[in-house]
Protein backbone atom coordinates (compact mmCIF):
# COMPACT_ATOMS: atom_id res chain seq x y z
CA UNK A 1 13.35 -17.70 14.51
CA UNK A 2 12.19 -21.01 15.73
CA UNK A 3 8.74 -22.97 14.05
CA UNK A 4 6.47 -21.79 17.08
CA UNK A 5 7.20 -18.12 16.33
CA UNK A 6 6.50 -18.71 12.68
CA UNK A 7 3.44 -21.36 13.24
CA UNK A 8 2.47 -18.58 15.47
CA UNK A 9 3.04 -15.05 13.29
CA UNK A 10 1.75 -16.91 10.51
CA UNK A 11 -1.60 -18.01 12.07
CA UNK A 12 -2.21 -14.69 13.29
CA UNK A 13 -1.41 -12.93 9.94
CA UNK A 14 -4.54 -15.89 8.61
CA UNK A 15 -6.36 -14.27 11.00
CA UNK A 16 -5.81 -11.23 10.29
CA UNK A 17 -6.51 -11.71 6.58
CA UNK A 18 -9.71 -13.41 7.59
CA UNK A 19 -10.96 -10.65 9.61
CA UNK A 20 -9.93 -8.13 7.37
CA UNK A 21 -8.46 -6.20 10.33
CA UNK A 22 -5.79 -3.87 9.20
CA UNK A 23 -4.52 -3.32 12.93
CA UNK A 24 -4.72 -6.81 13.44
CA UNK A 25 -1.77 -7.37 10.80
CA UNK A 26 -0.29 -4.53 11.20
CA UNK A 27 0.40 -6.26 14.53
CA UNK A 28 2.38 -8.46 13.18
CA UNK A 29 5.19 -6.35 11.19
CA UNK A 30 7.81 -4.56 12.78
CA UNK A 31 7.14 -0.76 12.45
CA UNK A 32 9.82 -0.72 9.73
CA UNK A 33 8.87 -4.30 8.29
CA UNK A 34 8.63 -4.80 4.51
CA UNK A 35 5.55 -6.60 2.77
CA UNK A 36 6.45 -7.73 -0.90
CA UNK A 37 3.50 -9.18 -2.19
CA UNK A 38 4.71 -10.89 -5.59
CA UNK A 39 8.42 -10.93 -6.37
CA UNK A 40 7.80 -8.41 -8.89
CA UNK A 41 5.74 -6.39 -7.09
CA UNK A 42 7.54 -2.71 -5.25
CA UNK A 43 7.47 -3.50 -1.76
CA UNK A 44 5.05 -1.53 1.01
CA UNK A 45 7.79 -0.07 3.67
CA UNK A 46 6.64 0.48 6.72
CA UNK A 47 2.67 0.31 8.71
CA UNK A 48 1.93 3.26 6.86
CA UNK A 49 2.27 1.71 3.34
CA UNK A 50 1.32 -1.41 4.04
CA UNK A 51 -1.88 -0.77 6.03
CA UNK A 52 -2.71 1.43 3.14
CA UNK A 53 -2.21 -1.67 0.95
CA UNK A 54 -4.32 -4.04 3.12
CA UNK A 55 -6.85 -0.89 3.12
CA UNK A 56 -7.44 -0.84 -0.85
CA UNK A 57 -7.41 -4.60 -1.50
CA UNK A 58 -8.12 -6.82 1.60
CA UNK A 59 -10.60 -4.67 3.02
CA UNK A 60 -12.22 -2.81 -0.16
CA UNK A 61 -12.00 -6.26 -2.25
CA UNK A 62 -11.64 -9.00 -1.08
CA UNK A 63 -14.85 -10.88 1.20
CA UNK A 64 -15.40 -14.55 2.58
CA UNK A 65 -11.98 -15.29 3.12
CA UNK A 66 -11.12 -18.03 4.19
CA UNK A 67 -7.27 -18.93 5.03
CA UNK A 68 -5.37 -21.90 5.87
CA UNK A 69 -1.85 -22.50 6.77
CA UNK A 70 0.59 -26.05 5.48
CA UNK A 71 4.05 -26.71 6.26
CA UNK A 72 6.15 -24.23 7.64
CA UNK A 73 9.82 -24.79 7.68
CA UNK A 74 13.12 -22.51 9.07
CA UNK A 75 15.96 -22.50 7.50
CA UNK A 76 19.37 -23.43 8.52
CA UNK A 77 20.34 -20.66 10.14
CA UNK A 78 17.52 -19.88 11.72
CA UNK A 79 17.43 -16.59 9.49
CA UNK A 80 14.78 -17.38 7.38
CA UNK A 81 10.79 -19.33 7.68
CA UNK A 82 9.18 -20.56 5.01
CA UNK A 83 4.95 -20.81 5.06
CA UNK A 84 2.81 -22.91 2.72
CA UNK A 85 -1.20 -21.89 2.62
CA UNK A 86 -4.13 -21.24 0.54
CA UNK A 87 -6.91 -19.44 0.68
CA UNK A 88 -9.82 -19.51 -1.10
CA UNK A 89 -11.93 -16.15 -1.06
CA UNK A 90 -14.09 -13.85 -3.37
CA UNK A 91 -11.94 -11.26 -4.72
CA UNK A 92 -13.46 -8.23 -7.11
CA UNK A 93 -16.68 -10.66 -7.18
CA UNK A 94 -14.89 -13.26 -8.28
CA UNK A 95 -14.53 -16.17 -6.21
CA UNK A 96 -11.12 -18.01 -6.71
CA UNK A 97 -8.26 -20.48 -4.91
CA UNK A 98 -5.10 -19.05 -4.15
CA UNK A 99 -1.85 -21.00 -3.63
CA UNK A 100 1.56 -19.64 -2.16
CA UNK A 101 4.15 -19.86 0.07
CA UNK A 102 5.64 -16.99 2.13
CA UNK A 103 9.65 -15.88 3.18
CA UNK A 104 9.90 -14.56 6.21
CA UNK A 105 12.42 -12.69 8.11
CA UNK A 106 11.26 -11.95 11.73
CA UNK A 107 12.70 -9.61 14.49
CA UNK A 108 11.35 -11.78 18.53
CA UNK A 109 7.85 -11.57 17.50
CA UNK A 110 7.05 -8.88 14.27
CA UNK A 111 7.73 -9.95 10.76
CA UNK A 112 10.97 -7.42 9.35
CA UNK A 113 10.59 -9.18 6.20
CA UNK A 114 7.96 -10.89 3.55
CA UNK A 115 7.63 -11.70 0.51
CA UNK A 116 4.71 -13.29 -1.05
CA UNK A 117 4.66 -16.14 -3.43
CA UNK A 118 1.20 -17.62 -4.83
CA UNK A 119 -0.69 -17.78 -7.62
CA UNK A 120 -4.56 -18.50 -8.06
CA UNK A 121 -7.61 -20.16 -10.30
CA UNK A 122 -11.68 -18.63 -10.19
CA UNK A 123 -13.29 -21.83 -8.74
């Protein structure tokens, strides 16, 4: 993985989130990719589980989404990327601000593993 790949996939991820575009988010992930919403949650394995999560949480419950990509870093081994982000949105009718970091592993231009660490506050 290089910095351009990381920034490109994170930009695409942000657009998918803002547009609530399930097909675009799936295009970010390898077919058998893993999405873990937070470190203690059960991971979503493969397009089927990621799609179901995205439809139930992002599409149905989240609105007025504004994603901003922050600093990105690549580990010395070039296998793991880190991306800071923030997002302001309305979730279940409540306006909130989220800040977080994603830990990402990629194969070519697809995410094979993504783990998010985030926090939020009502605004």
